[in-house]
Amino acid sequence: MSDVAKVEELVRKYQALKTEIAKVIVGQDQVVSQILISIFSGGHALLIGVPGLAKTLMVNTIAQTLGLDFKRIQFTPDLMPSDILGSEILDENRHFKFIKGPIFANIILADEINRTPPKTQAALLEAMQERSVTVAGHNYSLSLPYFVLATQNPIEQEGTYPLPEAQLDRFMFAVNLDYPSFEEEVQVVKTTTTDIQAKVNSLFSAQEIIDIQHLIRRIPVADNVVEYAVRMVGKTRPNSKEATDLVRNYIDWGAGPRASQNLILAAKTHAAIHGKFSPDIENVQAVSASILRHRIIKNYKAEAEGITEEQIIQSLF
């Protein structure tokens, strides 16, 4: 099958996937799209939202429809690296045997990732970046495809360990979840207070998702689109000649080169799921907010004047 036919097949299956997920998840269309774009691009996503917005249910439903193995890890202040990676124990023959931790799955939901100390957060870093873990000097590969979807509560910051910039940068997307509309909330209450449980079907296999990731990387991109993405990321750096006034006044640090790479990869996926065979500037703009919002660090002046990351990103266009 040619790549053109594969893109057309992807569009069809993506629409079927959205329909399947909508059996369980009411609304949140934009959020689901961004999670799927990050998965098809081979990236990780950070979901930021208050409790009760169905973040866990959403990730679980997406894992089921994609036919992937799913594990949830509840991050707590006393969680140790060995609790997520696994540990070596002595078996009955007095040989060391490795017992795999919950990190050995295709999709990991890292619930409230900012509740755990930096040592345990760092244990997740190697898995996210290298797709492997090292325990007692032995390296263990994780089964592909591999994604970390982490959640963070933006309100309650007492007893939390904010994610360091290096770890935030490992997430392709930071997705903001908002409250549902009145109509959506009515629908949620109607569907969740009955005895009927919606069942979702698995539409993909692990190998199909790996094939889609390779297909995305083969999609050609025009030089002017790559240059636009790199220039946009460059504008987020306050000491850059091209920085906007908002950036110079309200930003301490801008985004790094990983943001440029992720912009192009996500733009390719955004184009493909909408039936285009090459991304354009509109596709870059469509994914830019979620890719840049956690990579730009506002100063105290921005906080005092209520300037949002979205306003700053809009100024880059």
C-alpha atoms as a PDB file:
ATOM      1  CA  MET A   1       0.000   0.000   0.000  1.00  0.00           C
ATOM      2  CA  SER A   2       1.375   3.433  -0.947  1.00  0.00           C
ATOM      3  CA  ASP A   3       1.886   6.155   1.669  1.00  0.00           C
ATOM      4  CA  VAL A   4      -0.942   8.185   0.091  1.00  0.00           C
ATOM      5  CA  ALA A   5      -3.349   5.257   0.579  1.00  0.00           C
ATOM      6  CA  LYS A   6      -2.031   4.813   4.136  1.00  0.00           C
ATOM      7  CA  VAL A   7      -2.791   8.454   4.972  1.00  0.00           C
ATOM      8  CA  GLU A   8      -6.324   8.039   3.573  1.00  0.00           C
ATOM      9  CA  GLU A   9      -6.740   4.878   5.688  1.00  0.00           C
ATOM     10  CA  LEU A  10      -5.476   6.783   8.744  1.00  0.00           C
ATOM     11  CA  VAL A  11      -8.121   9.504   8.235  1.00  0.00           C
ATOM     12  CA  ARG A  12     -10.858   6.861   8.101  1.00  0.00           C
ATOM     13  CA  LYS A  13      -9.606   4.987  11.182  1.00  0.00           C
ATOM     14  CA  TYR A  14      -9.046   8.236  13.116  1.00  0.00           C
ATOM     15  CA  GLN A  15     -12.707   9.229  12.593  1.00  0.00           C
ATOM     16  CA  ALA A  16     -13.826   5.756  13.696  1.00  0.00           C
ATOM     17  CA  LEU A  17     -11.556   6.071  16.756  1.00  0.00           C
ATOM     18  CA  LYS A  18     -13.085   9.430  17.745  1.00  0.00           C
ATOM     19  CA  THR A  19     -16.597   7.933  17.406  1.00  0.00           C
ATOM     20  CA  GLU A  20     -15.602   4.962  19.587  1.00  0.00           C
ATOM     21  CA  ILE A  21     -14.070   7.177  22.305  1.00  0.00           C
ATOM     22  CA  ALA A  22     -17.195   9.418  22.264  1.00  0.00           C
ATOM     23  CA  LYS A  23     -19.249   6.404  23.484  1.00  0.00           C
ATOM     24  CA  VAL A  24     -17.605   6.927  26.901  1.00  0.00           C
ATOM     25  CA  ILE A  25     -16.139  10.455  26.899  1.00  0.00           C
ATOM     26  CA  VAL A  26     -18.632  13.309  26.491  1.00  0.00           C
ATOM     27  CA  GLY A  27     -17.162  16.447  24.856  1.00  0.00           C
ATOM     28  CA  GLN A  28     -13.418  17.148  25.390  1.00  0.00           C
ATOM     29  CA  ASP A  29     -13.027  16.760  21.618  1.00  0.00           C
ATOM     30  CA  GLN A  30      -9.970  18.998  21.437  1.00  0.00           C
ATOM     31  CA  VAL A  31      -8.255  17.193  24.328  1.00  0.00           C
ATOM     32  CA  VAL A  32      -8.836  13.740  22.805  1.00  0.00           C
ATOM     33  CA  SER A  33      -7.476  14.996  19.453  1.00  0.00           C
ATOM     34  CA  GLN A  34      -4.312  16.334  21.075  1.00  0.00           C
ATOM     35  CA  ILE A  35      -3.693  13.093  22.989  1.00  0.00           C
ATOM     36  CA  LEU A  36      -4.122  11.086  19.771  1.00  0.00           C
ATOM     37  CA  ILE A  37      -1.786  13.445  17.868  1.00  0.00           C
ATOM     38  CA  SER A  38       0.882  12.976  20.541  1.00  0.00           C
ATOM     39  CA  ILE A  39       0.453   9.167  20.395  1.00  0.00           C
ATOM     40  CA  PHE A  40       0.629   9.005  16.590  1.00  0.00           C
ATOM     41  CA  SER A  41       3.671  11.318  16.711  1.00  0.00           C
ATOM     42  CA  GLY A  42       5.375   9.098  19.300  1.00  0.00           C
ATOM     43  CA  GLY A  43       5.337  11.744  22.068  1.00  0.00           C
ATOM     44  CA  HIS A  44       4.179  12.016  25.677  1.00  0.00           C
ATOM     45  CA  ALA A  45       1.445  14.315  26.984  1.00  0.00           C
ATOM     46  CA  LEU A  46       0.840  16.168  30.239  1.00  0.00           C
ATOM     47  CA  LEU A  47      -2.848  16.682  31.117  1.00  0.00           C
ATOM     48  CA  ILE A  48      -3.472  19.678  33.369  1.00  0.00           C
ATOM     49  CA  GLY A  49      -6.895  19.923  34.980  1.00  0.00           C
ATOM     50  CA  VAL A  50      -8.802  19.937  38.252  1.00  0.00           C
ATOM     51  CA  PRO A  51     -10.053  16.622  39.732  1.00  0.00           C
ATOM     52  CA  GLY A  52     -13.221  15.076  38.316  1.00  0.00           C
ATOM     53  CA  LEU A  53     -12.727  15.932  34.623  1.00  0.00           C
ATOM     54  CA  ALA A  54     -12.404  12.231  33.627  1.00  0.00           C
ATOM     55  CA  LYS A  55      -8.671  12.387  32.898  1.00  0.00           C
ATOM     56  CA  THR A  56      -8.104   8.789  34.063  1.00  0.00           C
ATOM     57  CA  LEU A  57     -11.225   7.505  32.277  1.00  0.00           C
ATOM     58  CA  MET A  58     -10.139   9.291  29.088  1.00  0.00           C
ATOM     59  CA  VAL A  59      -6.660   7.717  29.081  1.00  0.00           C
ATOM     60  CA  ASN A  60      -8.075   4.282  29.922  1.00  0.00           C
ATOM     61  CA  THR A  61     -10.663   4.539  27.101  1.00  0.00           C
ATOM     62  CA  ILE A  62      -8.027   5.672  24.571  1.00  0.00           C
ATOM     63  CA  ALA A  63      -5.768   2.760  25.584  1.00  0.00           C
ATOM     64  CA  GLN A  64      -8.650   0.295  25.062  1.00  0.00           C
ATOM     65  CA  THR A  65      -9.597   1.662  21.631  1.00  0.00           C
ATOM     66  CA  LEU A  66      -5.934   1.566  20.544  1.00  0.00           C
ATOM     67  CA  GLY A  67      -5.591  -2.045  21.704  1.00  0.00           C
ATOM     68  CA  LEU A  68      -2.711  -1.217  24.045  1.00  0.00           C
ATOM     69  CA  ASP A  69      -1.649  -2.472  27.465  1.00  0.00           C
ATOM     70  CA  PHE A  70      -2.476   0.183  30.085  1.00  0.00           C
ATOM     71  CA  LYS A  71      -1.200   0.734  33.642  1.00  0.00           C
ATOM     72  CA  ARG A  72      -2.040   3.506  36.093  1.00  0.00           C
ATOM     73  CA  ILE A  73       0.474   4.676  38.697  1.00  0.00           C
ATOM     74  CA  GLN A  74      -0.777   6.911  41.504  1.00  0.00           C
ATOM     75  CA  PHE A  75       2.144   9.184  42.391  1.00  0.00           C
ATOM     76  CA  THR A  76       2.460   9.904  46.122  1.00  0.00           C
ATOM     77  CA  PRO A  77       5.170  11.567  48.265  1.00  0.00           C
ATOM     78  CA  ASP A  78       6.402   8.172  49.546  1.00  0.00           C
ATOM     79  CA  LEU A  79       6.615   6.481  46.110  1.00  0.00           C
ATOM     80  CA  MET A  80      10.100   5.049  45.460  1.00  0.00           C
ATOM     81  CA  PRO A  81      11.762   4.502  42.040  1.00  0.00           C
ATOM     82  CA  SER A  82      11.607   0.722  42.582  1.00  0.00           C
ATOM     83  CA  ASP A  83       7.813   0.991  43.029  1.00  0.00           C
ATOM     84  CA  ILE A  84       7.452   2.017  39.379  1.00  0.00           C
ATOM     85  CA  LEU A  85      10.500   0.390  37.729  1.00  0.00           C
ATOM     86  CA  GLY A  86      10.457  -2.961  39.544  1.00  0.00           C
ATOM     87  CA  SER A  87      13.120  -4.603  41.700  1.00  0.00           C
ATOM     88  CA  GLU A  88      15.343  -7.667  41.993  1.00  0.00           C
ATOM     89  CA  ILE A  89      14.442 -10.306  44.557  1.00  0.00           C
ATOM     90  CA  LEU A  90      16.051 -13.608  45.606  1.00  0.00           C
ATOM     91  CA  ASP A  91      14.061 -16.573  44.304  1.00  0.00           C
ATOM     92  CA  GLU A  92      13.836 -20.032  45.922  1.00  0.00           C
ATOM     93  CA  ASN A  93      17.111 -21.078  44.209  1.00  0.00           C
ATOM     94  CA  ARG A  94      18.885 -18.020  45.689  1.00  0.00           C
ATOM     95  CA  HIS A  95      19.213 -16.384  42.262  1.00  0.00           C
ATOM     96  CA  PHE A  96      18.285 -12.776  41.676  1.00  0.00           C
ATOM     97  CA  LYS A  97      15.097 -12.438  39.679  1.00  0.00           C
ATOM     98  CA  PHE A  98      13.751  -9.164  38.267  1.00  0.00           C
ATOM     99  CA  ILE A  99      10.107  -8.428  39.004  1.00  0.00           C
ATOM    100  CA  LYS A 100       8.819  -5.845  36.511  1.00  0.00           C
ATOM    101  CA  GLY A 101       7.096  -2.741  37.847  1.00  0.00           C
ATOM    102  CA  PRO A 102       4.001  -1.046  36.422  1.00  0.00           C
ATOM    103  CA  ILE A 103       6.150   1.020  34.030  1.00  0.00           C
ATOM    104  CA  PHE A 104       6.262  -2.043  31.731  1.00  0.00           C
ATOM    105  CA  ALA A 105       3.127  -1.287  29.691  1.00  0.00           C
ATOM    106  CA  ASN A 106       2.357   0.526  26.412  1.00  0.00           C
ATOM    107  CA  ILE A 107       0.493   3.439  28.003  1.00  0.00           C
ATOM    108  CA  ILE A 108       1.387   4.663  31.489  1.00  0.00           C
ATOM    109  CA  LEU A 109      -0.958   7.028  33.272  1.00  0.00           C
ATOM    110  CA  ALA A 110       1.224   8.902  35.772  1.00  0.00           C
ATOM    111  CA  ASP A 111      -1.519  10.276  38.009  1.00  0.00           C
ATOM    112  CA  GLU A 112      -0.638  13.520  39.841  1.00  0.00           C
ATOM    113  CA  ILE A 113       2.992  13.324  38.738  1.00  0.00           C
ATOM    114  CA  ASN A 114       3.920  16.446  40.733  1.00  0.00           C
ATOM    115  CA  ARG A 115       3.052  14.694  44.034  1.00  0.00           C
ATOM    116  CA  THR A 116       6.201  12.537  44.010  1.00  0.00           C
ATOM    117  CA  PRO A 117       9.782  13.583  44.936  1.00  0.00           C
ATOM    118  CA  PRO A 118      12.369  14.411  42.223  1.00  0.00           C
ATOM    119  CA  LYS A 119      14.159  11.055  42.646  1.00  0.00           C
ATOM    120  CA  THR A 120      11.053   9.143  41.541  1.00  0.00           C
ATOM    121  CA  GLN A 121      10.239  11.703  38.821  1.00  0.00           C
ATOM    122  CA  ALA A 122      13.781  11.156  37.466  1.00  0.00           C
ATOM    123  CA  ALA A 123      13.184   7.384  37.291  1.00  0.00           C
ATOM    124  CA  LEU A 124      10.413   8.132  34.813  1.00  0.00           C
ATOM    125  CA  LEU A 125      12.729  10.347  32.722  1.00  0.00           C
ATOM    126  CA  GLU A 126      14.878   7.504  31.359  1.00  0.00           C
ATOM    127  CA  ALA A 127      11.783   5.517  30.414  1.00  0.00           C
ATOM    128  CA  MET A 128      10.299   8.524  28.595  1.00  0.00           C
ATOM    129  CA  GLN A 129      13.471   9.437  26.735  1.00  0.00           C
ATOM    130  CA  GLU A 130      15.236   6.107  26.119  1.00  0.00           C
ATOM    131  CA  ARG A 131      12.238   3.710  26.124  1.00  0.00           C
ATOM    132  CA  SER A 132      14.256   1.562  28.546  1.00  0.00           C
ATOM    133  CA  VAL A 133      14.967   1.349  32.286  1.00  0.00           C
ATOM    134  CA  THR A 134      18.109   0.455  34.227  1.00  0.00           C
ATOM    135  CA  VAL A 135      17.743  -1.531  37.453  1.00  0.00           C
ATOM    136  CA  ALA A 136      20.766  -2.851  39.415  1.00  0.00           C
ATOM    137  CA  GLY A 137      23.040  -2.233  36.427  1.00  0.00           C
ATOM    138  CA  HIS A 138      20.854  -4.177  33.977  1.00  0.00           C
ATOM    139  CA  ASN A 139      19.108  -2.429  31.105  1.00  0.00           C
ATOM    140  CA  TYR A 140      15.568  -3.530  30.231  1.00  0.00           C
ATOM    141  CA  SER A 141      13.820  -2.390  27.049  1.00  0.00           C
ATOM    142  CA  LEU A 142      10.190  -1.329  27.226  1.00  0.00           C
ATOM    143  CA  SER A 143       7.735  -2.738  24.715  1.00  0.00           C
ATOM    144  CA  LEU A 144       6.812  -0.350  21.900  1.00  0.00           C
ATOM    145  CA  PRO A 145       4.786   1.746  21.340  1.00  0.00           C
ATOM    146  CA  TYR A 146       5.396   3.473  24.686  1.00  0.00           C
ATOM    147  CA  PHE A 147       3.681   6.600  26.003  1.00  0.00           C
ATOM    148  CA  VAL A 148       3.531   8.416  29.309  1.00  0.00           C
ATOM    149  CA  LEU A 149       0.345  10.422  29.832  1.00  0.00           C
ATOM    150  CA  ALA A 150       0.752  12.335  33.080  1.00  0.00           C
ATOM    151  CA  THR A 151      -1.846  14.348  34.988  1.00  0.00           C
ATOM    152  CA  GLN A 152      -1.323  17.389  37.161  1.00  0.00           C
ATOM    153  CA  ASN A 153      -3.752  19.297  39.387  1.00  0.00           C
ATOM    154  CA  PRO A 154      -3.164  23.044  38.817  1.00  0.00           C
ATOM    155  CA  ILE A 155      -4.950  24.169  41.982  1.00  0.00           C
ATOM    156  CA  GLU A 156      -3.634  22.311  45.012  1.00  0.00           C
ATOM    157  CA  GLN A 157       0.108  23.004  45.193  1.00  0.00           C
ATOM    158  CA  GLU A 158       0.621  22.159  48.885  1.00  0.00           C
ATOM    159  CA  GLY A 159       2.924  19.158  49.316  1.00  0.00           C
ATOM    160  CA  THR A 160       3.831  19.000  45.611  1.00  0.00           C
ATOM    161  CA  TYR A 161       7.173  18.899  43.827  1.00  0.00           C
ATOM    162  CA  PRO A 162       6.871  21.041  40.676  1.00  0.00           C
ATOM    163  CA  LEU A 163       8.240  19.285  37.600  1.00  0.00           C
ATOM    164  CA  PRO A 164      11.678  20.635  36.631  1.00  0.00           C
ATOM    165  CA  GLU A 165      11.959  22.299  33.211  1.00  0.00           C
ATOM    166  CA  ALA A 166      14.075  19.393  31.868  1.00  0.00           C
ATOM    167  CA  GLN A 167      11.267  16.959  32.613  1.00  0.00           C
ATOM    168  CA  LEU A 168       8.513  19.255  31.321  1.00  0.00           C
ATOM    169  CA  ASP A 169      10.469  19.498  28.059  1.00  0.00           C
ATOM    170  CA  ARG A 170      10.159  15.713  27.615  1.00  0.00           C
ATOM    171  CA  PHE A 171       6.400  16.082  27.207  1.00  0.00           C
ATOM    172  CA  MET A 172       5.419  16.816  23.635  1.00  0.00           C
ATOM    173  CA  PHE A 173       2.075  18.360  24.659  1.00  0.00           C
ATOM    174  CA  ALA A 174       0.745  20.091  27.753  1.00  0.00           C
ATOM    175  CA  VAL A 175      -3.026  19.863  27.390  1.00  0.00           C
ATOM    176  CA  ASN A 176      -5.343  22.050  29.501  1.00  0.00           C
ATOM    177  CA  LEU A 177      -8.643  20.414  30.454  1.00  0.00           C
ATOM    178  CA  ASP A 178     -11.525  22.741  31.168  1.00  0.00           C
ATOM    179  CA  TYR A 179     -14.931  22.227  32.764  1.00  0.00           C
ATOM    180  CA  PRO A 180     -17.574  20.804  30.402  1.00  0.00           C
ATOM    181  CA  SER A 181     -20.317  23.061  29.024  1.00  0.00           C
ATOM    182  CA  PHE A 182     -23.778  22.936  30.652  1.00  0.00           C
ATOM    183  CA  GLU A 183     -25.143  20.605  27.929  1.00  0.00           C
ATOM    184  CA  GLU A 184     -22.097  18.308  28.169  1.00  0.00           C
ATOM    185  CA  GLU A 185     -22.329  18.128  31.956  1.00  0.00           C
ATOM    186  CA  VAL A 186     -26.026  17.220  31.724  1.00  0.00           C
ATOM    187  CA  GLN A 187     -25.074  14.429  29.305  1.00  0.00           C
ATOM    188  CA  VAL A 188     -22.262  13.241  31.633  1.00  0.00           C
ATOM    189  CA  VAL A 189     -24.639  13.054  34.605  1.00  0.00           C
ATOM    190  CA  LYS A 190     -27.282  11.201  32.544  1.00  0.00           C
ATOM    191  CA  THR A 191     -24.846   8.586  31.237  1.00  0.00           C
ATOM    192  CA  THR A 192     -22.900   7.984  34.470  1.00  0.00           C
ATOM    193  CA  THR A 193     -25.820   7.594  36.876  1.00  0.00           C
ATOM    194  CA  THR A 194     -27.455   4.615  35.169  1.00  0.00           C
ATOM    195  CA  ASP A 195     -26.670   0.902  35.245  1.00  0.00           C
ATOM    196  CA  ILE A 196     -25.680   0.847  31.557  1.00  0.00           C
ATOM    197  CA  GLN A 197     -21.955   0.738  30.842  1.00  0.00           C
ATOM    198  CA  ALA A 198     -20.660   1.662  27.407  1.00  0.00           C
ATOM    199  CA  LYS A 199     -18.232  -0.821  25.875  1.00  0.00           C
ATOM    200  CA  VAL A 200     -15.564   0.333  23.435  1.00  0.00           C
ATOM    201  CA  ASN A 201     -13.965  -1.773  20.716  1.00  0.00           C
ATOM    202  CA  SER A 202     -10.270  -2.032  19.990  1.00  0.00           C
ATOM    203  CA  LEU A 203      -9.608  -0.587  16.513  1.00  0.00           C
ATOM    204  CA  PHE A 204      -5.800  -0.777  16.333  1.00  0.00           C
ATOM    205  CA  SER A 205      -2.962  -3.084  17.291  1.00  0.00           C
ATOM    206  CA  ALA A 206       0.422  -2.096  18.768  1.00  0.00           C
ATOM    207  CA  GLN A 207       2.131  -2.802  15.426  1.00  0.00           C
ATOM    208  CA  GLU A 208      -0.349  -0.615  13.511  1.00  0.00           C
ATOM    209  CA  ILE A 209       0.451   2.324  15.792  1.00  0.00           C
ATOM    210  CA  ILE A 210       4.215   1.796  15.260  1.00  0.00           C
ATOM    211  CA  ASP A 211       3.538   1.740  11.483  1.00  0.00           C
ATOM    212  CA  ILE A 212       1.580   5.017  11.767  1.00  0.00           C
ATOM    213  CA  GLN A 213       4.497   6.620  13.647  1.00  0.00           C
ATOM    214  CA  HIS A 214       6.859   5.618  10.804  1.00  0.00           C
ATOM    215  CA  LEU A 215       4.339   6.896   8.228  1.00  0.00           C
ATOM    216  CA  ILE A 216       4.177  10.298  10.004  1.00  0.00           C
ATOM    217  CA  ARG A 217       7.970  10.605   9.894  1.00  0.00           C
ATOM    218  CA  ARG A 218       7.974   9.854   6.139  1.00  0.00           C
ATOM    219  CA  ILE A 219       5.556  12.737   5.385  1.00  0.00           C
ATOM    220  CA  PRO A 220       7.467  15.456   3.498  1.00  0.00           C
ATOM    221  CA  VAL A 221       7.593  19.038   4.830  1.00  0.00           C
ATOM    222  CA  ALA A 222       8.342  22.148   2.756  1.00  0.00           C
ATOM    223  CA  ASP A 223      11.404  24.163   3.829  1.00  0.00           C
ATOM    224  CA  ASN A 224       9.316  27.293   4.454  1.00  0.00           C
ATOM    225  CA  VAL A 225       7.146  25.375   6.984  1.00  0.00           C
ATOM    226  CA  VAL A 226      10.220  24.101   8.864  1.00  0.00           C
ATOM    227  CA  GLU A 227      11.696  27.612   8.860  1.00  0.00           C
ATOM    228  CA  TYR A 228       8.386  29.041  10.128  1.00  0.00           C
ATOM    229  CA  ALA A 229       8.351  26.557  13.049  1.00  0.00           C
ATOM    230  CA  VAL A 230      11.997  27.242  13.963  1.00  0.00           C
ATOM    231  CA  ARG A 231      11.451  31.014  13.698  1.00  0.00           C
ATOM    232  CA  MET A 232       8.342  30.780  15.911  1.00  0.00           C
ATOM    233  CA  VAL A 233      10.292  28.914  18.609  1.00  0.00           C
ATOM    234  CA  GLY A 234      13.169  31.410  18.269  1.00  0.00           C
ATOM    235  CA  LYS A 235      10.737  34.266  18.934  1.00  0.00           C
ATOM    236  CA  THR A 236       9.981  32.818  22.406  1.00  0.00           C
ATOM    237  CA  ARG A 237      13.555  33.571  23.537  1.00  0.00           C
ATOM    238  CA  PRO A 238      13.747  37.046  25.142  1.00  0.00           C
ATOM    239  CA  ASN A 239      17.305  37.720  23.907  1.00  0.00           C
ATOM    240  CA  SER A 240      16.414  36.876  20.280  1.00  0.00           C
ATOM    241  CA  LYS A 241      16.321  39.709  17.718  1.00  0.00           C
ATOM    242  CA  GLU A 242      12.921  38.475  16.511  1.00  0.00           C
ATOM    243  CA  ALA A 243      11.334  38.279  20.003  1.00  0.00           C
ATOM    244  CA  THR A 244       7.985  40.083  20.268  1.00  0.00           C
ATOM    245  CA  ASP A 245       7.387  42.855  22.821  1.00  0.00           C
ATOM    246  CA  LEU A 246       5.283  40.498  24.950  1.00  0.00           C
ATOM    247  CA  VAL A 247       8.153  37.974  25.040  1.00  0.00           C
ATOM    248  CA  ARG A 248      10.770  40.598  25.969  1.00  0.00           C
ATOM    249  CA  ASN A 249       8.624  42.006  28.760  1.00  0.00           C
ATOM    250  CA  TYR A 250       7.075  38.886  30.235  1.00  0.00           C
ATOM    251  CA  ILE A 251       9.280  35.849  29.536  1.00  0.00           C
ATOM    252  CA  ASP A 252      12.371  34.726  31.471  1.00  0.00           C
ATOM    253  CA  TRP A 253      13.257  31.694  29.335  1.00  0.00           C
ATOM    254  CA  GLY A 254      12.014  30.561  25.933  1.00  0.00           C
ATOM    255  CA  ALA A 255      11.602  27.146  24.290  1.00  0.00           C
ATOM    256  CA  GLY A 256      14.538  24.979  23.157  1.00  0.00           C
ATOM    257  CA  PRO A 257      15.183  23.026  19.931  1.00  0.00           C
ATOM    258  CA  ARG A 258      13.023  20.094  21.094  1.00  0.00           C
ATOM    259  CA  ALA A 259      10.031  22.419  20.707  1.00  0.00           C
ATOM    260  CA  SER A 260      10.905  22.961  17.005  1.00  0.00           C
ATOM    261  CA  GLN A 261      11.183  19.193  16.434  1.00  0.00           C
ATOM    262  CA  ASN A 262       7.858  18.558  18.183  1.00  0.00           C
ATOM    263  CA  LEU A 263       6.124  21.374  16.261  1.00  0.00           C
ATOM    264  CA  ILE A 264       7.012  19.762  12.938  1.00  0.00           C
ATOM    265  CA  LEU A 265       6.174  16.201  14.050  1.00  0.00           C
ATOM    266  CA  ALA A 266       2.816  17.272  15.503  1.00  0.00           C
ATOM    267  CA  ALA A 267       2.058  19.428  12.425  1.00  0.00           C
ATOM    268  CA  LYS A 268       2.690  16.366  10.213  1.00  0.00           C
ATOM    269  CA  THR A 269       0.263  14.299  12.301  1.00  0.00           C
ATOM    270  CA  HIS A 270      -2.304  17.113  12.395  1.00  0.00           C
ATOM    271  CA  ALA A 271      -2.120  17.338   8.594  1.00  0.00           C
ATOM    272  CA  ALA A 272      -2.349  13.549   8.108  1.00  0.00           C
ATOM    273  CA  ILE A 273      -5.452  13.041  10.284  1.00  0.00           C
ATOM    274  CA  HIS A 274      -7.149  15.820   8.275  1.00  0.00           C
ATOM    275  CA  GLY A 275      -6.323  14.129   4.973  1.00  0.00           C
ATOM    276  CA  LYS A 276      -3.397  16.365   3.904  1.00  0.00           C
ATOM    277  CA  PHE A 277      -0.212  14.829   2.545  1.00  0.00           C
ATOM    278  CA  SER A 278       2.095  17.598   3.737  1.00  0.00           C
ATOM    279  CA  PRO A 279       1.697  20.101   6.609  1.00  0.00           C
ATOM    280  CA  ASP A 280       1.447  23.846   6.064  1.00  0.00           C
ATOM    281  CA  ILE A 281       1.789  26.858   8.364  1.00  0.00           C
ATOM    282  CA  GLU A 282      -1.838  26.494   9.568  1.00  0.00           C
ATOM    283  CA  ASN A 283      -1.024  22.996  10.885  1.00  0.00           C
ATOM    284  CA  VAL A 284       1.980  24.365  12.795  1.00  0.00           C
ATOM    285  CA  GLN A 285      -0.198  27.093  14.319  1.00  0.00           C
ATOM    286  CA  ALA A 286      -2.915  24.577  15.251  1.00  0.00           C
ATOM    287  CA  VAL A 287      -0.562  22.580  17.508  1.00  0.00           C
ATOM    288  CA  SER A 288       1.667  25.428  18.738  1.00  0.00           C
ATOM    289  CA  ALA A 289      -0.194  26.351  21.969  1.00  0.00           C
ATOM    290  CA  SER A 290       0.002  22.858  23.467  1.00  0.00           C
ATOM    291  CA  ILE A 291       3.648  22.433  22.469  1.00  0.00           C
ATOM    292  CA  LEU A 292       4.910  25.820  23.661  1.00  0.00           C
ATOM    293  CA  ARG A 293       2.786  26.574  26.749  1.00  0.00           C
ATOM    294  CA  HIS A 294       4.897  24.464  29.157  1.00  0.00           C
ATOM    295  CA  ARG A 295       8.207  25.464  27.580  1.00  0.00           C
ATOM    296  CA  ILE A 296       8.031  29.215  28.131  1.00  0.00           C
ATOM    297  CA  ILE A 297       8.747  30.494  31.629  1.00  0.00           C
ATOM    298  CA  LYS A 298       6.918  33.680  32.574  1.00  0.00           C
ATOM    299  CA  ASN A 299       8.473  36.281  34.896  1.00  0.00           C
ATOM    300  CA  TYR A 300       6.880  37.828  38.001  1.00  0.00           C
ATOM    301  CA  LYS A 301       5.645  40.803  35.920  1.00  0.00           C
ATOM    302  CA  ALA A 302       3.551  38.490  33.713  1.00  0.00           C
ATOM    303  CA  GLU A 303       2.047  36.837  36.802  1.00  0.00           C
ATOM    304  CA  ALA A 304       1.287  40.248  38.372  1.00  0.00           C
ATOM    305  CA  GLU A 305      -0.388  41.585  35.223  1.00  0.00           C
ATOM    306  CA  GLY A 306      -2.297  38.378  34.465  1.00  0.00           C
ATOM    307  CA  ILE A 307      -0.608  37.731  31.098  1.00  0.00           C
ATOM    308  CA  THR A 308      -1.264  34.133  29.971  1.00  0.00           C
ATOM    309  CA  GLU A 309       0.942  31.785  27.954  1.00  0.00           C
ATOM    310  CA  GLU A 310      -1.807  31.738  25.291  1.00  0.00           C
ATOM    311  CA  GLN A 311      -1.601  35.516  24.787  1.00  0.00           C
ATOM    312  CA  ILE A 312       2.176  35.306  24.377  1.00  0.00           C
ATOM    313  CA  ILE A 313       1.935  32.383  21.920  1.00  0.00           C
ATOM    314  CA  GLN A 314      -0.729  34.220  19.866  1.00  0.00           C
ATOM    315  CA  SER A 315       1.675  37.170  19.546  1.00  0.00           C
ATOM    316  CA  LEU A 316       4.195  34.849  17.816  1.00  0.00           C
ATOM    317  CA  PHE A 317       1.867  34.376  14.824  1.00  0.00           C
END
